[in-house]
Amino acid sequence: MLLQTLADAATVHAAAAIPLVDAGARPVTELAARLAIDVVCAIALVRGVYHRHYRRGDLFLTFFALNLVVFLITRSLDSAEMTLGAAFGLFAVFSMLR
């Protein structure tokens, strides 16, 4: 009887210790929601600020492409462990691209 109770307790404890979803993995819906927020903000900035002052439509695609690339890079680097030197290196590369 005592062994059965201990076995049941160990089974419940082991089942509780196994995570059902990987904590580091993000669902696709979260990525899609954040991408949608990013695109809406980019539209508001480009349309509301840039186009109102400069009236040039030829750089819309460039602004959106740069915004999308920066968004995807930062999302992929969000979960990566990075040293301070690597972070400064990325900062230098983005500064040169700018």
PDB file of N, CA and C in Angstrom:
ATOM      1  N   MET A   1       0.826  -1.184   0.000  1.00  0.00           N
ATOM      2  CA  MET A   1       0.000   0.000   0.000  1.00  0.00           C
ATOM      3  C   MET A   1       0.877   1.257   0.000  1.00  0.00           C
ATOM      4  N   LEU A   2       1.882   1.299   0.862  1.00  0.00           N
ATOM      5  CA  LEU A   2       2.780   2.443   0.925  1.00  0.00           C
ATOM      6  C   LEU A   2       3.583   2.578  -0.363  1.00  0.00           C
ATOM      7  N   LEU A   3       4.020   1.435  -0.930  1.00  0.00           N
ATOM      8  CA  LEU A   3       4.770   1.476  -2.181  1.00  0.00           C
ATOM      9  C   LEU A   3       3.908   1.993  -3.332  1.00  0.00           C
ATOM     10  N   GLN A   4       2.630   1.606  -3.344  1.00  0.00           N
ATOM     11  CA  GLN A   4       1.730   2.081  -4.390  1.00  0.00           C
ATOM     12  C   GLN A   4       1.526   3.591  -4.276  1.00  0.00           C
ATOM     13  N   THR A   5       1.399   4.111  -3.060  1.00  0.00           N
ATOM     14  CA  THR A   5       1.230   5.540  -2.843  1.00  0.00           C
ATOM     15  C   THR A   5       2.479   6.304  -3.270  1.00  0.00           C
ATOM     16  N   LEU A   6       3.651   5.779  -2.931  1.00  0.00           N
ATOM     17  CA  LEU A   6       4.898   6.408  -3.354  1.00  0.00           C
ATOM     18  C   LEU A   6       5.062   6.375  -4.866  1.00  0.00           C
ATOM     19  N   ALA A   7       4.670   5.284  -5.495  1.00  0.00           N
ATOM     20  CA  ALA A   7       4.764   5.178  -6.948  1.00  0.00           C
ATOM     21  C   ALA A   7       3.815   6.167  -7.616  1.00  0.00           C
ATOM     22  N   ASP A   8       2.617   6.310  -7.079  1.00  0.00           N
ATOM     23  CA  ASP A   8       1.664   7.276  -7.627  1.00  0.00           C
ATOM     24  C   ASP A   8       2.176   8.706  -7.463  1.00  0.00           C
ATOM     25  N   ALA A   9       2.765   9.006  -6.323  1.00  0.00           N
ATOM     26  CA  ALA A   9       3.303  10.342  -6.083  1.00  0.00           C
ATOM     27  C   ALA A   9       4.466  10.631  -7.021  1.00  0.00           C
ATOM     28  N   ALA A  10       5.318   9.638  -7.257  1.00  0.00           N
ATOM     29  CA  ALA A  10       6.446   9.822  -8.169  1.00  0.00           C
ATOM     30  C   ALA A  10       5.960  10.027  -9.601  1.00  0.00           C
ATOM     31  N   THR A  11       4.895   9.325  -9.998  1.00  0.00           N
ATOM     32  CA  THR A  11       4.350   9.480 -11.337  1.00  0.00           C
ATOM     33  C   THR A  11       3.765  10.875 -11.525  1.00  0.00           C
ATOM     34  N   VAL A  12       3.032  11.362 -10.520  1.00  0.00           N
ATOM     35  CA  VAL A  12       2.456  12.699 -10.601  1.00  0.00           C
ATOM     36  C   VAL A  12       3.553  13.749 -10.633  1.00  0.00           C
ATOM     37  N   HIS A  13       4.594  13.565  -9.813  1.00  0.00           N
ATOM     38  CA  HIS A  13       5.699  14.517  -9.785  1.00  0.00           C
ATOM     39  C   HIS A  13       6.449  14.520 -11.112  1.00  0.00           C
ATOM     40  N   ALA A  14       6.690  13.355 -11.699  1.00  0.00           N
ATOM     41  CA  ALA A  14       7.404  13.282 -12.967  1.00  0.00           C
ATOM     42  C   ALA A  14       6.567  13.890 -14.092  1.00  0.00           C
ATOM     43  N   ALA A  15       5.261  13.669 -14.048  1.00  0.00           N
ATOM     44  CA  ALA A  15       4.397  14.238 -15.084  1.00  0.00           C
ATOM     45  C   ALA A  15       4.343  15.758 -14.975  1.00  0.00           C
ATOM     46  N   ALA A  16       4.411  16.281 -13.752  1.00  0.00           N
ATOM     47  CA  ALA A  16       4.372  17.727 -13.564  1.00  0.00           C
ATOM     48  C   ALA A  16       5.688  18.373 -13.974  1.00  0.00           C
ATOM     49  N   ALA A  17       6.789  17.619 -13.919  1.00  0.00           N
ATOM     50  CA  ALA A  17       8.099  18.178 -14.240  1.00  0.00           C
ATOM     51  C   ALA A  17       8.355  18.254 -15.742  1.00  0.00           C
ATOM     52  N   ILE A  18       7.600  17.515 -16.542  1.00  0.00           N
ATOM     53  CA  ILE A  18       7.808  17.507 -17.989  1.00  0.00           C
ATOM     54  C   ILE A  18       6.997  18.648 -18.595  1.00  0.00           C
ATOM     55  N   PRO A  19       7.665  19.619 -19.194  1.00  0.00           N
ATOM     56  CA  PRO A  19       6.907  20.725 -19.795  1.00  0.00           C
ATOM     57  C   PRO A  19       6.224  20.263 -21.077  1.00  0.00           C
ATOM     58  N   LEU A  20       5.006  20.725 -21.295  1.00  0.00           N
ATOM     59  CA  LEU A  20       4.264  20.347 -22.486  1.00  0.00           C
ATOM     60  C   LEU A  20       4.678  21.192 -23.694  1.00  0.00           C
ATOM     61  N   VAL A  21       5.087  22.420 -23.444  1.00  0.00           N
ATOM     62  CA  VAL A  21       5.519  23.311 -24.516  1.00  0.00           C
ATOM     63  C   VAL A  21       6.907  23.813 -24.170  1.00  0.00           C
ATOM     64  N   ASP A  22       7.784  23.828 -25.157  1.00  0.00           N
ATOM     65  CA  ASP A  22       9.134  24.335 -24.946  1.00  0.00           C
ATOM     66  C   ASP A  22       9.056  25.817 -24.606  1.00  0.00           C
ATOM     67  N   ALA A  23       9.689  26.207 -23.502  1.00  0.00           N
ATOM     68  CA  ALA A  23       9.619  27.596 -23.047  1.00  0.00           C
ATOM     69  C   ALA A  23      10.330  28.538 -23.997  1.00  0.00           C
ATOM     70  N   GLY A  24      11.334  28.072 -24.732  1.00  0.00           N
ATOM     71  CA  GLY A  24      12.071  28.925 -25.641  1.00  0.00           C
ATOM     72  C   GLY A  24      11.392  29.097 -26.998  1.00  0.00           C
ATOM     73  N   ALA A  25      10.488  28.195 -27.327  1.00  0.00           N
ATOM     74  CA  ALA A  25       9.827  28.260 -28.625  1.00  0.00           C
ATOM     75  C   ALA A  25       8.654  29.233 -28.572  1.00  0.00           C
ATOM     76  N   ARG A  26       8.531  30.020 -29.604  1.00  0.00           N
ATOM     77  CA  ARG A  26       7.419  30.967 -29.687  1.00  0.00           C
ATOM     78  C   ARG A  26       6.451  30.475 -30.747  1.00  0.00           C
ATOM     79  N   PRO A  27       5.180  30.534 -30.449  1.00  0.00           N
ATOM     80  CA  PRO A  27       4.219  30.092 -31.465  1.00  0.00           C
ATOM     81  C   PRO A  27       4.196  31.036 -32.666  1.00  0.00           C
ATOM     82  N   VAL A  28       3.746  30.502 -33.761  1.00  0.00           N
ATOM     83  CA  VAL A  28       3.697  31.270 -34.999  1.00  0.00           C
ATOM     84  C   VAL A  28       2.705  32.419 -34.874  1.00  0.00           C
ATOM     85  N   THR A  29       1.656  32.231 -34.097  1.00  0.00           N
ATOM     86  CA  THR A  29       0.659  33.289 -33.957  1.00  0.00           C
ATOM     87  C   THR A  29       1.248  34.517 -33.273  1.00  0.00           C
ATOM     88  N   GLU A  30       2.156  34.318 -32.318  1.00  0.00           N
ATOM     89  CA  GLU A  30       2.795  35.457 -31.668  1.00  0.00           C
ATOM     90  C   GLU A  30       3.680  36.208 -32.654  1.00  0.00           C
ATOM     91  N   LEU A  31       4.412  35.479 -33.481  1.00  0.00           N
ATOM     92  CA  LEU A  31       5.250  36.113 -34.490  1.00  0.00           C
ATOM     93  C   LEU A  31       4.396  36.884 -35.493  1.00  0.00           C
ATOM     94  N   ALA A  32       3.286  36.288 -35.900  1.00  0.00           N
ATOM     95  CA  ALA A  32       2.403  36.962 -36.852  1.00  0.00           C
ATOM     96  C   ALA A  32       1.790  38.217 -36.244  1.00  0.00           C
ATOM     97  N   ALA A  33       1.419  38.149 -34.972  1.00  0.00           N
ATOM     98  CA  ALA A  33       0.835  39.320 -34.312  1.00  0.00           C
ATOM     99  C   ALA A  33       1.861  40.436 -34.188  1.00  0.00           C
ATOM    100  N   ARG A  34       3.077  40.100 -33.809  1.00  0.00           N
ATOM    101  CA  ARG A  34       4.121  41.123 -33.692  1.00  0.00           C
ATOM    102  C   ARG A  34       4.495  41.700 -35.057  1.00  0.00           C
ATOM    103  N   LEU A  35       4.501  40.857 -36.085  1.00  0.00           N
ATOM    104  CA  LEU A  35       4.781  41.343 -37.434  1.00  0.00           C
ATOM    105  C   LEU A  35       3.672  42.284 -37.904  1.00  0.00           C
ATOM    106  N   ALA A  36       2.433  41.948 -37.581  1.00  0.00           N
ATOM    107  CA  ALA A  36       1.319  42.821 -37.953  1.00  0.00           C
ATOM    108  C   ALA A  36       1.423  44.175 -37.250  1.00  0.00           C
ATOM    109  N   ILE A  37       1.779  44.168 -35.975  1.00  0.00           N
ATOM    110  CA  ILE A  37       1.962  45.425 -35.247  1.00  0.00           C
ATOM    111  C   ILE A  37       3.102  46.225 -35.863  1.00  0.00           C
ATOM    112  N   ASP A  38       4.171  45.546 -36.236  1.00  0.00           N
ATOM    113  CA  ASP A  38       5.315  46.216 -36.847  1.00  0.00           C
ATOM    114  C   ASP A  38       4.941  46.849 -38.183  1.00  0.00           C
ATOM    115  N   VAL A  39       4.196  46.132 -39.001  1.00  0.00           N
ATOM    116  CA  VAL A  39       3.795  46.659 -40.304  1.00  0.00           C
ATOM    117  C   VAL A  39       2.850  47.843 -40.146  1.00  0.00           C
ATOM    118  N   VAL A  40       1.921  47.757 -39.199  1.00  0.00           N
ATOM    119  CA  VAL A  40       0.998  48.874 -38.966  1.00  0.00           C
ATOM    120  C   VAL A  40       1.763  50.114 -38.499  1.00  0.00           C
ATOM    121  N   CYS A  41       2.718  49.925 -37.616  1.00  0.00           N
ATOM    122  CA  CYS A  41       3.532  51.061 -37.152  1.00  0.00           C
ATOM    123  C   CYS A  41       4.385  51.626 -38.286  1.00  0.00           C
ATOM    124  N   ALA A  42       4.924  50.756 -39.132  1.00  0.00           N
ATOM    125  CA  ALA A  42       5.722  51.232 -40.261  1.00  0.00           C
ATOM    126  C   ALA A  42       4.864  52.023 -41.242  1.00  0.00           C
ATOM    127  N   ILE A  43       3.663  51.546 -41.491  1.00  0.00           N
ATOM    128  CA  ILE A  43       2.757  52.278 -42.374  1.00  0.00           C
ATOM    129  C   ILE A  43       2.435  53.644 -41.783  1.00  0.00           C
ATOM    130  N   ALA A  44       2.167  53.668 -40.486  1.00  0.00           N
ATOM    131  CA  ALA A  44       1.850  54.947 -39.843  1.00  0.00           C
ATOM    132  C   ALA A  44       3.028  55.911 -39.918  1.00  0.00           C
ATOM    133  N   LEU A  45       4.233  55.414 -39.700  1.00  0.00           N
ATOM    134  CA  LEU A  45       5.403  56.286 -39.754  1.00  0.00           C
ATOM    135  C   LEU A  45       5.713  56.769 -41.167  1.00  0.00           C
ATOM    136  N   VAL A  46       5.727  55.841 -42.109  1.00  0.00           N
ATOM    137  CA  VAL A  46       6.083  56.215 -43.472  1.00  0.00           C
ATOM    138  C   VAL A  46       4.994  57.081 -44.098  1.00  0.00           C
ATOM    139  N   ARG A  47       3.770  56.682 -43.931  1.00  0.00           N
ATOM    140  CA  ARG A  47       2.666  57.420 -44.549  1.00  0.00           C
ATOM    141  C   ARG A  47       2.397  58.734 -43.810  1.00  0.00           C
ATOM    142  N   GLY A  48       2.409  58.667 -42.483  1.00  0.00           N
ATOM    143  CA  GLY A  48       2.036  59.836 -41.706  1.00  0.00           C
ATOM    144  C   GLY A  48       3.138  60.853 -41.526  1.00  0.00           C
ATOM    145  N   VAL A  49       4.364  60.419 -41.448  1.00  0.00           N
ATOM    146  CA  VAL A  49       5.459  61.347 -41.184  1.00  0.00           C
ATOM    147  C   VAL A  49       6.256  61.637 -42.449  1.00  0.00           C
ATOM    148  N   TYR A  50       6.791  60.596 -43.069  1.00  0.00           N
ATOM    149  CA  TYR A  50       7.680  60.800 -44.216  1.00  0.00           C
ATOM    150  C   TYR A  50       6.936  61.380 -45.412  1.00  0.00           C
ATOM    151  N   HIS A  51       5.838  60.744 -45.805  1.00  0.00           N
ATOM    152  CA  HIS A  51       5.134  61.179 -47.004  1.00  0.00           C
ATOM    153  C   HIS A  51       4.528  62.570 -46.825  1.00  0.00           C
ATOM    154  N   ARG A  52       4.104  62.916 -45.641  1.00  0.00           N
ATOM    155  CA  ARG A  52       3.513  64.230 -45.402  1.00  0.00           C
ATOM    156  C   ARG A  52       4.542  65.347 -45.609  1.00  0.00           C
ATOM    157  N   HIS A  53       5.796  65.093 -45.235  1.00  0.00           N
ATOM    158  CA  HIS A  53       6.815  66.140 -45.332  1.00  0.00           C
ATOM    159  C   HIS A  53       7.529  66.174 -46.684  1.00  0.00           C
ATOM    160  N   TYR A  54       7.794  64.998 -47.260  1.00  0.00           N
ATOM    161  CA  TYR A  54       8.637  64.953 -48.458  1.00  0.00           C
ATOM    162  C   TYR A  54       7.887  64.655 -49.747  1.00  0.00           C
ATOM    163  N   ARG A  55       6.716  64.069 -49.683  1.00  0.00           N
ATOM    164  CA  ARG A  55       5.880  63.766 -50.853  1.00  0.00           C
ATOM    165  C   ARG A  55       6.605  62.920 -51.908  1.00  0.00           C
ATOM    166  N   ARG A  56       7.443  61.998 -51.466  1.00  0.00           N
ATOM    167  CA  ARG A  56       8.128  61.098 -52.392  1.00  0.00           C
ATOM    168  C   ARG A  56       7.636  59.687 -52.143  1.00  0.00           C
ATOM    169  N   GLY A  57       7.191  59.045 -53.198  1.00  0.00           N
ATOM    170  CA  GLY A  57       6.676  57.689 -53.070  1.00  0.00           C
ATOM    171  C   GLY A  57       7.661  56.624 -53.486  1.00  0.00           C
ATOM    172  N   ASP A  58       8.801  57.014 -54.013  1.00  0.00           N
ATOM    173  CA  ASP A  58       9.742  56.029 -54.535  1.00  0.00           C
ATOM    174  C   ASP A  58      10.509  55.289 -53.443  1.00  0.00           C
ATOM    175  N   LEU A  59      10.512  55.782 -52.232  1.00  0.00           N
ATOM    176  CA  LEU A  59      11.249  55.121 -51.157  1.00  0.00           C
ATOM    177  C   LEU A  59      10.365  54.296 -50.225  1.00  0.00           C
ATOM    178  N   PHE A  60       9.085  54.174 -50.528  1.00  0.00           N
ATOM    179  CA  PHE A  60       8.190  53.381 -49.677  1.00  0.00           C
ATOM    180  C   PHE A  60       8.671  51.941 -49.558  1.00  0.00           C
ATOM    181  N   LEU A  61       8.961  51.318 -50.691  1.00  0.00           N
ATOM    182  CA  LEU A  61       9.403  49.924 -50.684  1.00  0.00           C
ATOM    183  C   LEU A  61      10.710  49.761 -49.923  1.00  0.00           C
ATOM    184  N   THR A  62      11.602  50.704 -50.062  1.00  0.00           N
ATOM    185  CA  THR A  62      12.879  50.642 -49.345  1.00  0.00           C
ATOM    186  C   THR A  62      12.664  50.707 -47.843  1.00  0.00           C
ATOM    187  N   PHE A  63      11.806  51.599 -47.395  1.00  0.00           N
ATOM    188  CA  PHE A  63      11.535  51.712 -45.964  1.00  0.00           C
ATOM    189  C   PHE A  63      10.898  50.441 -45.412  1.00  0.00           C
ATOM    190  N   PHE A  64       9.948  49.878 -46.146  1.00  0.00           N
ATOM    191  CA  PHE A  64       9.289  48.664 -45.671  1.00  0.00           C
ATOM    192  C   PHE A  64      10.225  47.465 -45.703  1.00  0.00           C
ATOM    193  N   ALA A  65      11.069  47.357 -46.716  1.00  0.00           N
ATOM    194  CA  ALA A  65      12.016  46.241 -46.794  1.00  0.00           C
ATOM    195  C   ALA A  65      13.041  46.325 -45.664  1.00  0.00           C
ATOM    196  N   LEU A  66      13.558  47.523 -45.417  1.00  0.00           N
ATOM    197  CA  LEU A  66      14.509  47.687 -44.321  1.00  0.00           C
ATOM    198  C   LEU A  66      13.847  47.386 -42.979  1.00  0.00           C
ATOM    199  N   ASN A  67      12.614  47.832 -42.813  1.00  0.00           N
ATOM    200  CA  ASN A  67      11.881  47.561 -41.585  1.00  0.00           C
ATOM    201  C   ASN A  67      11.682  46.058 -41.391  1.00  0.00           C
ATOM    202  N   LEU A  68      11.313  45.355 -42.439  1.00  0.00           N
ATOM    203  CA  LEU A  68      11.087  43.912 -42.349  1.00  0.00           C
ATOM    204  C   LEU A  68      12.381  43.165 -42.040  1.00  0.00           C
ATOM    205  N   VAL A  69      13.468  43.544 -42.678  1.00  0.00           N
ATOM    206  CA  VAL A  69      14.751  42.875 -42.433  1.00  0.00           C
ATOM    207  C   VAL A  69      15.211  43.095 -40.993  1.00  0.00           C
ATOM    208  N   VAL A  70      15.109  44.317 -40.508  1.00  0.00           N
ATOM    209  CA  VAL A  70      15.516  44.597 -39.124  1.00  0.00           C
ATOM    210  C   VAL A  70      14.617  43.849 -38.144  1.00  0.00           C
ATOM    211  N   PHE A  71      13.320  43.782 -38.418  1.00  0.00           N
ATOM    212  CA  PHE A  71      12.407  43.041 -37.551  1.00  0.00           C
ATOM    213  C   PHE A  71      12.769  41.570 -37.486  1.00  0.00           C
ATOM    214  N   LEU A  72      13.004  40.960 -38.638  1.00  0.00           N
ATOM    215  CA  LEU A  72      13.323  39.528 -38.656  1.00  0.00           C
ATOM    216  C   LEU A  72      14.673  39.233 -38.006  1.00  0.00           C
ATOM    217  N   ILE A  73      15.652  40.094 -38.198  1.00  0.00           N
ATOM    218  CA  ILE A  73      16.956  39.886 -37.566  1.00  0.00           C
ATOM    219  C   ILE A  73      16.853  40.001 -36.052  1.00  0.00           C
ATOM    220  N   THR A  74      16.151  41.022 -35.576  1.00  0.00           N
ATOM    221  CA  THR A  74      16.039  41.186 -34.128  1.00  0.00           C
ATOM    222  C   THR A  74      15.217  40.077 -33.502  1.00  0.00           C
ATOM    223  N   ARG A  75      14.202  39.567 -34.187  1.00  0.00           N
ATOM    224  CA  ARG A  75      13.420  38.450 -33.651  1.00  0.00           C
ATOM    225  C   ARG A  75      14.258  37.172 -33.593  1.00  0.00           C
ATOM    226  N   SER A  76      15.098  36.963 -34.598  1.00  0.00           N
ATOM    227  CA  SER A  76      15.920  35.753 -34.576  1.00  0.00           C
ATOM    228  C   SER A  76      17.038  35.859 -33.544  1.00  0.00           C
ATOM    229  N   LEU A  77      17.547  37.058 -33.291  1.00  0.00           N
ATOM    230  CA  LEU A  77      18.600  37.232 -32.296  1.00  0.00           C
ATOM    231  C   LEU A  77      18.060  37.361 -30.877  1.00  0.00           C
ATOM    232  N   ASP A  78      16.753  37.472 -30.750  1.00  0.00           N
ATOM    233  CA  ASP A  78      16.142  37.641 -29.435  1.00  0.00           C
ATOM    234  C   ASP A  78      16.409  36.440 -28.532  1.00  0.00           C
ATOM    235  N   SER A  79      16.367  35.249 -29.077  1.00  0.00           N
ATOM    236  CA  SER A  79      16.542  34.052 -28.256  1.00  0.00           C
ATOM    237  C   SER A  79      17.995  33.576 -28.209  1.00  0.00           C
ATOM    238  N   ALA A  80      18.876  34.178 -28.974  1.00  0.00           N
ATOM    239  CA  ALA A  80      20.275  33.735 -29.022  1.00  0.00           C
ATOM    240  C   ALA A  80      21.067  34.349 -27.869  1.00  0.00           C
ATOM    241  N   GLU A  81      21.920  33.547 -27.285  1.00  0.00           N
ATOM    242  CA  GLU A  81      22.831  34.040 -26.260  1.00  0.00           C
ATOM    243  C   GLU A  81      23.988  34.742 -26.965  1.00  0.00           C
ATOM    244  N   MET A  82      24.333  35.932 -26.496  1.00  0.00           N
ATOM    245  CA  MET A  82      25.336  36.710 -27.185  1.00  0.00           C
ATOM    246  C   MET A  82      26.295  37.351 -26.179  1.00  0.00           C
ATOM    247  N   THR A  83      27.542  37.445 -26.556  1.00  0.00           N
ATOM    248  CA  THR A  83      28.509  38.132 -25.706  1.00  0.00           C
ATOM    249  C   THR A  83      28.490  39.620 -26.028  1.00  0.00           C
ATOM    250  N   LEU A  84      29.164  40.384 -25.221  1.00  0.00           N
ATOM    251  CA  LEU A  84      29.200  41.829 -25.421  1.00  0.00           C
ATOM    252  C   LEU A  84      29.940  42.188 -26.709  1.00  0.00           C
ATOM    253  N   GLY A  85      30.996  41.454 -27.024  1.00  0.00           N
ATOM    254  CA  GLY A  85      31.741  41.707 -28.259  1.00  0.00           C
ATOM    255  C   GLY A  85      30.901  41.451 -29.501  1.00  0.00           C
ATOM    256  N   ALA A  86      30.106  40.394 -29.489  1.00  0.00           N
ATOM    257  CA  ALA A  86      29.234  40.107 -30.631  1.00  0.00           C
ATOM    258  C   ALA A  86      28.161  41.183 -30.779  1.00  0.00           C
ATOM    259  N   ALA A  87      27.656  41.675 -29.671  1.00  0.00           N
ATOM    260  CA  ALA A  87      26.648  42.741 -29.723  1.00  0.00           C
ATOM    261  C   ALA A  87      27.238  44.015 -30.312  1.00  0.00           C
ATOM    262  N   PHE A  88      28.462  44.369 -29.898  1.00  0.00           N
ATOM    263  CA  PHE A  88      29.112  45.548 -30.475  1.00  0.00           C
ATOM    264  C   PHE A  88      29.419  45.345 -31.954  1.00  0.00           C
ATOM    265  N   GLY A  89      29.773  44.138 -32.351  1.00  0.00           N
ATOM    266  CA  GLY A  89      30.013  43.837 -33.758  1.00  0.00           C
ATOM    267  C   GLY A  89      28.761  44.017 -34.600  1.00  0.00           C
ATOM    268  N   LEU A  90      27.617  43.531 -34.091  1.00  0.00           N
ATOM    269  CA  LEU A  90      26.362  43.740 -34.807  1.00  0.00           C
ATOM    270  C   LEU A  90      25.998  45.212 -34.881  1.00  0.00           C
ATOM    271  N   PHE A  91      26.268  45.943 -33.807  1.00  0.00           N
ATOM    272  CA  PHE A  91      26.011  47.370 -33.818  1.00  0.00           C
ATOM    273  C   PHE A  91      26.847  48.064 -34.895  1.00  0.00           C
ATOM    274  N   ALA A  92      28.107  47.643 -35.035  1.00  0.00           N
ATOM    275  CA  ALA A  92      28.978  48.233 -36.049  1.00  0.00           C
ATOM    276  C   ALA A  92      28.493  47.917 -37.453  1.00  0.00           C
ATOM    277  N   VAL A  93      28.045  46.690 -37.670  1.00  0.00           N
ATOM    278  CA  VAL A  93      27.555  46.314 -38.995  1.00  0.00           C
ATOM    279  C   VAL A  93      26.301  47.104 -39.347  1.00  0.00           C
ATOM    280  N   PHE A  94      25.375  47.223 -38.393  1.00  0.00           N
ATOM    281  CA  PHE A  94      24.161  47.999 -38.665  1.00  0.00           C
ATOM    282  C   PHE A  94      24.487  49.479 -38.861  1.00  0.00           C
ATOM    283  N   SER A  95      25.487  49.985 -38.189  1.00  0.00           N
ATOM    284  CA  SER A  95      25.877  51.378 -38.383  1.00  0.00           C
ATOM    285  C   SER A  95      26.438  51.607 -39.778  1.00  0.00           C
ATOM    286  N   MET A  96      27.201  50.626 -40.275  1.00  0.00           N
ATOM    287  CA  MET A  96      27.724  50.754 -41.632  1.00  0.00           C
ATOM    288  C   MET A  96      26.611  50.663 -42.664  1.00  0.00           C
ATOM    289  N   LEU A  97      25.612  49.832 -42.414  1.00  0.00           N
ATOM    290  CA  LEU A  97      24.492  49.715 -43.346  1.00  0.00           C
ATOM    291  C   LEU A  97      23.670  50.992 -43.396  1.00  0.00           C
ATOM    292  N   ARG A  98      23.609  51.660 -42.265  1.00  0.00           N
ATOM    293  CA  ARG A  98      22.824  52.874 -42.211  1.00  0.00           C
ATOM    294  C   ARG A  98      23.437  53.933 -43.081  1.00  0.00           C
TER     295      ARG A  98
END
